[in-house]
Amino acid sequence: MSKTQQPTNSSILDAHPGPLSFVVGDWDDAKTFYAAVPINGNKLAIIHQANVIKICRTAQSARNFISKHQKMRKKIISYPQTGPLV
């Protein structure tokens, strides 16, 4: 795993563990930091800037959503919308 994807192993002693949580991005930059934490047994909540932005069923779908969300944010940042000219 790369430096930007730090795994956690918080359920190592659980007999029936659900999906493991994981983080993506730089720890020190809130704009690029995402966390996927388990909720309701087998689902993962994706958290970005202290907001739950999506609930996914699998870790792979969570990773896919995070990568799409990162690309979308880069596109919005590189091409900002301008208001109507008066």
PDB file of N, CA and C in Angstrom:
ATOM      1  N   MET A   1       0.837  -1.181   0.000  1.00  0.00           N
ATOM      2  CA  MET A   1       0.000   0.000   0.000  1.00  0.00           C
ATOM      3  C   MET A   1       0.881   1.243   0.000  1.00  0.00           C
ATOM      4  N   SER A   2       0.364   2.268  -0.613  1.00  0.00           N
ATOM      5  CA  SER A   2       1.128   3.504  -0.694  1.00  0.00           C
ATOM      6  C   SER A   2       0.954   4.315   0.588  1.00  0.00           C
ATOM      7  N   LYS A   3       1.693   5.383   0.669  1.00  0.00           N
ATOM      8  CA  LYS A   3       1.636   6.245   1.845  1.00  0.00           C
ATOM      9  C   LYS A   3       0.268   6.899   1.994  1.00  0.00           C
ATOM     10  N   THR A   4      -0.436   7.097   0.889  1.00  0.00           N
ATOM     11  CA  THR A   4      -1.720   7.784   0.955  1.00  0.00           C
ATOM     12  C   THR A   4      -2.868   6.857   1.332  1.00  0.00           C
ATOM     13  N   GLN A   5      -2.642   5.555   1.399  1.00  0.00           N
ATOM     14  CA  GLN A   5      -3.678   4.617   1.801  1.00  0.00           C
ATOM     15  C   GLN A   5      -3.190   3.836   3.012  1.00  0.00           C
ATOM     16  N   GLN A   6      -3.474   4.347   4.203  1.00  0.00           N
ATOM     17  CA  GLN A   6      -3.024   3.707   5.422  1.00  0.00           C
ATOM     18  C   GLN A   6      -4.142   2.801   5.960  1.00  0.00           C
ATOM     19  N   PRO A   7      -3.914   1.480   6.032  1.00  0.00           N
ATOM     20  CA  PRO A   7      -4.951   0.585   6.528  1.00  0.00           C
ATOM     21  C   PRO A   7      -5.005   0.594   8.052  1.00  0.00           C
ATOM     22  N   THR A   8      -6.155   0.260   8.569  1.00  0.00           N
ATOM     23  CA  THR A   8      -6.291   0.074  10.009  1.00  0.00           C
ATOM     24  C   THR A   8      -6.723  -1.357  10.251  1.00  0.00           C
ATOM     25  N   ASN A   9      -6.428  -1.897  11.405  1.00  0.00           N
ATOM     26  CA  ASN A   9      -6.781  -3.265  11.737  1.00  0.00           C
ATOM     27  C   ASN A   9      -7.440  -3.277  13.107  1.00  0.00           C
ATOM     28  N   SER A  10      -8.550  -2.534  13.236  1.00  0.00           N
ATOM     29  CA  SER A  10      -9.187  -2.375  14.523  1.00  0.00           C
ATOM     30  C   SER A  10     -10.025  -3.572  14.939  1.00  0.00           C
ATOM     31  N   SER A  11     -10.318  -4.503  14.034  1.00  0.00           N
ATOM     32  CA  SER A  11     -11.172  -5.636  14.370  1.00  0.00           C
ATOM     33  C   SER A  11     -10.392  -6.952  14.374  1.00  0.00           C
ATOM     34  N   ILE A  12      -9.146  -6.914  14.755  1.00  0.00           N
ATOM     35  CA  ILE A  12      -8.291  -8.096  14.676  1.00  0.00           C
ATOM     36  C   ILE A  12      -8.762  -9.207  15.621  1.00  0.00           C
ATOM     37  N   LEU A  13      -9.413  -8.873  16.739  1.00  0.00           N
ATOM     38  CA  LEU A  13      -9.844  -9.884  17.699  1.00  0.00           C
ATOM     39  C   LEU A  13     -11.327 -10.228  17.567  1.00  0.00           C
ATOM     40  N   ASP A  14     -12.024  -9.667  16.618  1.00  0.00           N
ATOM     41  CA  ASP A  14     -13.442  -9.928  16.419  1.00  0.00           C
ATOM     42  C   ASP A  14     -13.611 -11.256  15.685  1.00  0.00           C
ATOM     43  N   ALA A  15     -14.580 -12.072  16.126  1.00  0.00           N
ATOM     44  CA  ALA A  15     -14.794 -13.378  15.504  1.00  0.00           C
ATOM     45  C   ALA A  15     -15.383 -13.259  14.099  1.00  0.00           C
ATOM     46  N   HIS A  16     -16.266 -12.305  13.870  1.00  0.00           N
ATOM     47  CA  HIS A  16     -16.902 -12.096  12.571  1.00  0.00           C
ATOM     48  C   HIS A  16     -16.732 -10.639  12.165  1.00  0.00           C
ATOM     49  N   PRO A  17     -15.548 -10.272  11.727  1.00  0.00           N
ATOM     50  CA  PRO A  17     -15.335  -8.859  11.414  1.00  0.00           C
ATOM     51  C   PRO A  17     -16.066  -8.439  10.145  1.00  0.00           C
ATOM     52  N   GLY A  18     -16.507  -7.216  10.144  1.00  0.00           N
ATOM     53  CA  GLY A  18     -17.084  -6.633   8.943  1.00  0.00           C
ATOM     54  C   GLY A  18     -15.969  -6.086   8.080  1.00  0.00           C
ATOM     55  N   PRO A  19     -16.282  -5.172   7.194  1.00  0.00           N
ATOM     56  CA  PRO A  19     -15.227  -4.586   6.360  1.00  0.00           C
ATOM     57  C   PRO A  19     -14.294  -3.719   7.203  1.00  0.00           C
ATOM     58  N   LEU A  20     -13.036  -3.719   6.844  1.00  0.00           N
ATOM     59  CA  LEU A  20     -12.065  -2.887   7.551  1.00  0.00           C
ATOM     60  C   LEU A  20     -12.175  -1.444   7.088  1.00  0.00           C
ATOM     61  N   SER A  21     -11.911  -0.535   7.990  1.00  0.00           N
ATOM     62  CA  SER A  21     -11.889   0.872   7.616  1.00  0.00           C
ATOM     63  C   SER A  21     -10.575   1.178   6.922  1.00  0.00           C
ATOM     64  N   PHE A  22     -10.584   2.224   6.100  1.00  0.00           N
ATOM     65  CA  PHE A  22      -9.354   2.652   5.442  1.00  0.00           C
ATOM     66  C   PHE A  22      -9.440   4.144   5.181  1.00  0.00           C
ATOM     67  N   VAL A  23      -8.283   4.742   4.958  1.00  0.00           N
ATOM     68  CA  VAL A  23      -8.208   6.165   4.661  1.00  0.00           C
ATOM     69  C   VAL A  23      -7.443   6.362   3.363  1.00  0.00           C
ATOM     70  N   VAL A  24      -7.775   7.434   2.656  1.00  0.00           N
ATOM     71  CA  VAL A  24      -7.124   7.772   1.399  1.00  0.00           C
ATOM     72  C   VAL A  24      -6.783   9.248   1.448  1.00  0.00           C
ATOM     73  N   GLY A  25      -5.574   9.584   1.060  1.00  0.00           N
ATOM     74  CA  GLY A  25      -5.172  10.986   0.996  1.00  0.00           C
ATOM     75  C   GLY A  25      -4.136  11.342   2.036  1.00  0.00           C
ATOM     76  N   ASP A  26      -3.823  12.610   2.068  1.00  0.00           N
ATOM     77  CA  ASP A  26      -2.813  13.144   2.968  1.00  0.00           C
ATOM     78  C   ASP A  26      -3.445  13.445   4.319  1.00  0.00           C
ATOM     79  N   TRP A  27      -2.833  12.960   5.387  1.00  0.00           N
ATOM     80  CA  TRP A  27      -3.358  13.167   6.738  1.00  0.00           C
ATOM     81  C   TRP A  27      -3.460  14.652   7.079  1.00  0.00           C
ATOM     82  N   ASP A  28      -2.550  15.460   6.571  1.00  0.00           N
ATOM     83  CA  ASP A  28      -2.476  16.863   6.961  1.00  0.00           C
ATOM     84  C   ASP A  28      -3.323  17.785   6.096  1.00  0.00           C
ATOM     85  N   ASP A  29      -3.902  17.284   5.022  1.00  0.00           N
ATOM     86  CA  ASP A  29      -4.692  18.117   4.123  1.00  0.00           C
ATOM     87  C   ASP A  29      -6.140  17.644   4.135  1.00  0.00           C
ATOM     88  N   ALA A  30      -7.024  18.438   4.713  1.00  0.00           N
ATOM     89  CA  ALA A  30      -8.428  18.051   4.846  1.00  0.00           C
ATOM     90  C   ALA A  30      -9.141  17.977   3.502  1.00  0.00           C
ATOM     91  N   LYS A  31      -8.644  18.696   2.496  1.00  0.00           N
ATOM     92  CA  LYS A  31      -9.316  18.691   1.197  1.00  0.00           C
ATOM     93  C   LYS A  31      -9.062  17.415   0.413  1.00  0.00           C
ATOM     94  N   THR A  32      -7.991  16.697   0.706  1.00  0.00           N
ATOM     95  CA  THR A  32      -7.679  15.465  -0.024  1.00  0.00           C
ATOM     96  C   THR A  32      -7.823  14.222   0.839  1.00  0.00           C
ATOM     97  N   PHE A  33      -8.303  14.357   2.067  1.00  0.00           N
ATOM     98  CA  PHE A  33      -8.375  13.237   3.003  1.00  0.00           C
ATOM     99  C   PHE A  33      -9.781  12.642   3.013  1.00  0.00           C
ATOM    100  N   TYR A  34      -9.859  11.332   2.816  1.00  0.00           N
ATOM    101  CA  TYR A  34     -11.121  10.589   2.854  1.00  0.00           C
ATOM    102  C   TYR A  34     -10.961   9.432   3.829  1.00  0.00           C
ATOM    103  N   ALA A  35     -12.047   9.067   4.510  1.00  0.00           N
ATOM    104  CA  ALA A  35     -12.043   7.898   5.382  1.00  0.00           C
ATOM    105  C   ALA A  35     -13.281   7.068   5.090  1.00  0.00           C
ATOM    106  N   ALA A  36     -13.119   5.767   5.073  1.00  0.00           N
ATOM    107  CA  ALA A  36     -14.247   4.849   4.935  1.00  0.00           C
ATOM    108  C   ALA A  36     -14.322   4.042   6.226  1.00  0.00           C
ATOM    109  N   VAL A  37     -15.399   4.216   6.970  1.00  0.00           N
ATOM    110  CA  VAL A  37     -15.559   3.562   8.266  1.00  0.00           C
ATOM    111  C   VAL A  37     -16.777   2.646   8.234  1.00  0.00           C
ATOM    112  N   PRO A  38     -16.689   1.494   8.898  1.00  0.00           N
ATOM    113  CA  PRO A  38     -17.810   0.556   8.871  1.00  0.00           C
ATOM    114  C   PRO A  38     -18.992   1.059   9.700  1.00  0.00           C
ATOM    115  N   ILE A  39     -20.190   0.845   9.160  1.00  0.00           N
ATOM    116  CA  ILE A  39     -21.426   1.147   9.877  1.00  0.00           C
ATOM    117  C   ILE A  39     -22.414   0.023   9.599  1.00  0.00           C
ATOM    118  N   ASN A  40     -23.361  -0.177  10.458  1.00  0.00           N
ATOM    119  CA  ASN A  40     -24.435  -1.158  10.279  1.00  0.00           C
ATOM    120  C   ASN A  40     -23.934  -2.529   9.849  1.00  0.00           C
ATOM    121  N   GLY A  41     -22.864  -2.982  10.421  1.00  0.00           N
ATOM    122  CA  GLY A  41     -22.373  -4.325  10.128  1.00  0.00           C
ATOM    123  C   GLY A  41     -21.508  -4.426   8.892  1.00  0.00           C
ATOM    124  N   ASN A  42     -22.112  -4.390   7.702  1.00  0.00           N
ATOM    125  CA  ASN A  42     -21.346  -4.668   6.494  1.00  0.00           C
ATOM    126  C   ASN A  42     -21.218  -3.489   5.549  1.00  0.00           C
ATOM    127  N   LYS A  43     -21.665  -2.311   5.907  1.00  0.00           N
ATOM    128  CA  LYS A  43     -21.590  -1.159   5.014  1.00  0.00           C
ATOM    129  C   LYS A  43     -20.465  -0.230   5.443  1.00  0.00           C
ATOM    130  N   LEU A  44     -20.018   0.621   4.508  1.00  0.00           N
ATOM    131  CA  LEU A  44     -18.963   1.596   4.776  1.00  0.00           C
ATOM    132  C   LEU A  44     -19.486   2.999   4.504  1.00  0.00           C
ATOM    133  N   ALA A  45     -19.256   3.899   5.448  1.00  0.00           N
ATOM    134  CA  ALA A  45     -19.603   5.304   5.252  1.00  0.00           C
ATOM    135  C   ALA A  45     -18.347   6.040   4.817  1.00  0.00           C
ATOM    136  N   ILE A  46     -18.445   6.801   3.735  1.00  0.00           N
ATOM    137  CA  ILE A  46     -17.311   7.585   3.252  1.00  0.00           C
ATOM    138  C   ILE A  46     -17.423   8.972   3.845  1.00  0.00           C
ATOM    139  N   ILE A  47     -16.361   9.387   4.528  1.00  0.00           N
ATOM    140  CA  ILE A  47     -16.341  10.679   5.220  1.00  0.00           C
ATOM    141  C   ILE A  47     -15.293  11.559   4.570  1.00  0.00           C
ATOM    142  N   HIS A  48     -15.711  12.796   4.262  1.00  0.00           N
ATOM    143  CA  HIS A  48     -14.810  13.791   3.662  1.00  0.00           C
ATOM    144  C   HIS A  48     -15.140  15.137   4.269  1.00  0.00           C
ATOM    145  N   GLN A  49     -14.153  15.799   4.832  1.00  0.00           N
ATOM    146  CA  GLN A  49     -14.294  17.098   5.491  1.00  0.00           C
ATOM    147  C   GLN A  49     -15.401  17.062   6.540  1.00  0.00           C
ATOM    148  N   ALA A  50     -15.400  16.025   7.384  1.00  0.00           N
ATOM    149  CA  ALA A  50     -16.318  15.838   8.514  1.00  0.00           C
ATOM    150  C   ALA A  50     -17.767  15.643   8.091  1.00  0.00           C
ATOM    151  N   ASN A  51     -18.011  15.244   6.847  1.00  0.00           N
ATOM    152  CA  ASN A  51     -19.364  14.964   6.365  1.00  0.00           C
ATOM    153  C   ASN A  51     -19.406  13.569   5.765  1.00  0.00           C
ATOM    154  N   VAL A  52     -20.481  12.850   6.044  1.00  0.00           N
ATOM    155  CA  VAL A  52     -20.706  11.565   5.385  1.00  0.00           C
ATOM    156  C   VAL A  52     -21.248  11.874   4.005  1.00  0.00           C
ATOM    157  N   ILE A  53     -20.500  11.512   2.969  1.00  0.00           N
ATOM    158  CA  ILE A  53     -20.930  11.856   1.617  1.00  0.00           C
ATOM    159  C   ILE A  53     -21.581  10.686   0.891  1.00  0.00           C
ATOM    160  N   LYS A  54     -21.347   9.454   1.361  1.00  0.00           N
ATOM    161  CA  LYS A  54     -21.981   8.295   0.719  1.00  0.00           C
ATOM    162  C   LYS A  54     -21.837   7.080   1.615  1.00  0.00           C
ATOM    163  N   ILE A  55     -22.779   6.157   1.487  1.00  0.00           N
ATOM    164  CA  ILE A  55     -22.704   4.872   2.174  1.00  0.00           C
ATOM    165  C   ILE A  55     -22.611   3.795   1.103  1.00  0.00           C
ATOM    166  N   CYS A  56     -21.543   2.988   1.167  1.00  0.00           N
ATOM    167  CA  CYS A  56     -21.283   1.955   0.163  1.00  0.00           C
ATOM    168  C   CYS A  56     -21.419   0.573   0.784  1.00  0.00           C
ATOM    169  N   ARG A  57     -21.689  -0.411  -0.067  1.00  0.00           N
ATOM    170  CA  ARG A  57     -21.853  -1.790   0.411  1.00  0.00           C
ATOM    171  C   ARG A  57     -20.526  -2.528   0.531  1.00  0.00           C
ATOM    172  N   THR A  58     -19.566  -2.240  -0.339  1.00  0.00           N
ATOM    173  CA  THR A  58     -18.290  -2.962  -0.317  1.00  0.00           C
ATOM    174  C   THR A  58     -17.133  -1.973  -0.300  1.00  0.00           C
ATOM    175  N   ALA A  59     -15.967  -2.482   0.068  1.00  0.00           N
ATOM    176  CA  ALA A  59     -14.766  -1.646   0.089  1.00  0.00           C
ATOM    177  C   ALA A  59     -14.370  -1.229  -1.325  1.00  0.00           C
ATOM    178  N   GLN A  60     -14.570  -2.120  -2.300  1.00  0.00           N
ATOM    179  CA  GLN A  60     -14.214  -1.783  -3.673  1.00  0.00           C
ATOM    180  C   GLN A  60     -15.094  -0.655  -4.205  1.00  0.00           C
ATOM    181  N   SER A  61     -16.391  -0.688  -3.904  1.00  0.00           N
ATOM    182  CA  SER A  61     -17.258   0.400  -4.368  1.00  0.00           C
ATOM    183  C   SER A  61     -16.910   1.703  -3.660  1.00  0.00           C
ATOM    184  N   ALA A  62     -16.465   1.628  -2.410  1.00  0.00           N
ATOM    185  CA  ALA A  62     -16.038   2.826  -1.691  1.00  0.00           C
ATOM    186  C   ALA A  62     -14.785   3.418  -2.339  1.00  0.00           C
ATOM    187  N   ARG A  63     -13.820   2.569  -2.689  1.00  0.00           N
ATOM    188  CA  ARG A  63     -12.602   3.049  -3.345  1.00  0.00           C
ATOM    189  C   ARG A  63     -12.915   3.664  -4.709  1.00  0.00           C
ATOM    190  N   ASN A  64     -13.830   3.036  -5.457  1.00  0.00           N
ATOM    191  CA  ASN A  64     -14.217   3.585  -6.761  1.00  0.00           C
ATOM    192  C   ASN A  64     -14.880   4.945  -6.606  1.00  0.00           C
ATOM    193  N   PHE A  65     -15.775   5.082  -5.610  1.00  0.00           N
ATOM    194  CA  PHE A  65     -16.441   6.366  -5.397  1.00  0.00           C
ATOM    195  C   PHE A  65     -15.441   7.444  -4.999  1.00  0.00           C
ATOM    196  N   ILE A  66     -14.497   7.096  -4.136  1.00  0.00           N
ATOM    197  CA  ILE A  66     -13.502   8.083  -3.695  1.00  0.00           C
ATOM    198  C   ILE A  66     -12.666   8.557  -4.883  1.00  0.00           C
ATOM    199  N   SER A  67     -12.247   7.637  -5.747  1.00  0.00           N
ATOM    200  CA  SER A  67     -11.434   8.053  -6.894  1.00  0.00           C
ATOM    201  C   SER A  67     -12.255   8.937  -7.842  1.00  0.00           C
ATOM    202  N   LYS A  68     -13.520   8.612  -8.060  1.00  0.00           N
ATOM    203  CA  LYS A  68     -14.370   9.457  -8.907  1.00  0.00           C
ATOM    204  C   LYS A  68     -14.599  10.820  -8.266  1.00  0.00           C
ATOM    205  N   HIS A  69     -14.778  10.836  -6.954  1.00  0.00           N
ATOM    206  CA  HIS A  69     -14.993  12.103  -6.255  1.00  0.00           C
ATOM    207  C   HIS A  69     -13.743  12.978  -6.321  1.00  0.00           C
ATOM    208  N   GLN A  70     -12.567  12.373  -6.209  1.00  0.00           N
ATOM    209  CA  GLN A  70     -11.323  13.130  -6.312  1.00  0.00           C
ATOM    210  C   GLN A  70     -11.178  13.732  -7.703  1.00  0.00           C
ATOM    211  N   LYS A  71     -11.480  12.954  -8.741  1.00  0.00           N
ATOM    212  CA  LYS A  71     -11.389  13.469 -10.113  1.00  0.00           C
ATOM    213  C   LYS A  71     -12.375  14.601 -10.341  1.00  0.00           C
ATOM    214  N   MET A  72     -13.595  14.459  -9.794  1.00  0.00           N
ATOM    215  CA  MET A  72     -14.608  15.490  -9.942  1.00  0.00           C
ATOM    216  C   MET A  72     -14.153  16.791  -9.260  1.00  0.00           C
ATOM    217  N   ARG A  73     -13.565  16.673  -8.063  1.00  0.00           N
ATOM    218  CA  ARG A  73     -13.099  17.856  -7.346  1.00  0.00           C
ATOM    219  C   ARG A  73     -11.966  18.544  -8.100  1.00  0.00           C
ATOM    220  N   LYS A  74     -11.065  17.762  -8.706  1.00  0.00           N
ATOM    221  CA  LYS A  74      -9.971  18.354  -9.475  1.00  0.00           C
ATOM    222  C   LYS A  74     -10.507  19.099 -10.685  1.00  0.00           C
ATOM    223  N   LYS A  75     -11.528  18.544 -11.336  1.00  0.00           N
ATOM    224  CA  LYS A  75     -12.109  19.190 -12.502  1.00  0.00           C
ATOM    225  C   LYS A  75     -12.786  20.501 -12.103  1.00  0.00           C
ATOM    226  N   ILE A  76     -13.495  20.502 -10.983  1.00  0.00           N
ATOM    227  CA  ILE A  76     -14.173  21.711 -10.524  1.00  0.00           C
ATOM    228  C   ILE A  76     -13.159  22.776 -10.120  1.00  0.00           C
ATOM    229  N   ILE A  77     -12.081  22.357  -9.457  1.00  0.00           N
ATOM    230  CA  ILE A  77     -11.070  23.312  -9.014  1.00  0.00           C
ATOM    231  C   ILE A  77     -10.315  23.895 -10.204  1.00  0.00           C
ATOM    232  N   SER A  78     -10.016  23.079 -11.215  1.00  0.00           N
ATOM    233  CA  SER A  78      -9.239  23.579 -12.345  1.00  0.00           C
ATOM    234  C   SER A  78     -10.073  24.431 -13.297  1.00  0.00           C
ATOM    235  N   TYR A  79     -11.387  24.232 -13.341  1.00  0.00           N
ATOM    236  CA  TYR A  79     -12.272  25.020 -14.196  1.00  0.00           C
ATOM    237  C   TYR A  79     -13.389  25.631 -13.361  1.00  0.00           C
ATOM    238  N   PRO A  80     -13.098  26.660 -12.565  1.00  0.00           N
ATOM    239  CA  PRO A  80     -14.146  27.213 -11.707  1.00  0.00           C
ATOM    240  C   PRO A  80     -15.222  27.917 -12.548  1.00  0.00           C
ATOM    241  N   GLN A  81     -16.435  27.822 -12.078  1.00  0.00           N
ATOM    242  CA  GLN A  81     -17.565  28.467 -12.728  1.00  0.00           C
ATOM    243  C   GLN A  81     -17.518  29.962 -12.408  1.00  0.00           C
ATOM    244  N   THR A  82     -17.793  30.780 -13.397  1.00  0.00           N
ATOM    245  CA  THR A  82     -17.871  32.203 -13.152  1.00  0.00           C
ATOM    246  C   THR A  82     -19.313  32.636 -13.262  1.00  0.00           C
ATOM    247  N   GLY A  83     -19.678  33.636 -12.523  1.00  0.00           N
ATOM    248  CA  GLY A  83     -21.050  34.122 -12.533  1.00  0.00           C
ATOM    249  C   GLY A  83     -21.333  34.927 -13.785  1.00  0.00           C
ATOM    250  N   PRO A  84     -22.583  35.298 -13.978  1.00  0.00           N
ATOM    251  CA  PRO A  84     -22.937  36.085 -15.156  1.00  0.00           C
ATOM    252  C   PRO A  84     -22.301  37.469 -15.102  1.00  0.00           C
ATOM    253  N   LEU A  85     -21.879  37.922 -16.248  1.00  0.00           N
ATOM    254  CA  LEU A  85     -21.268  39.252 -16.322  1.00  0.00           C
ATOM    255  C   LEU A  85     -22.370  40.299 -16.420  1.00  0.00           C
ATOM    256  N   VAL A  86     -22.231  41.329 -15.622  1.00  0.00           N
ATOM    257  CA  VAL A  86     -23.250  42.395 -15.630  1.00  0.00           C
ATOM    258  C   VAL A  86     -22.670  43.650 -16.214  1.00  0.00           C
TER     259      VAL A  86
END
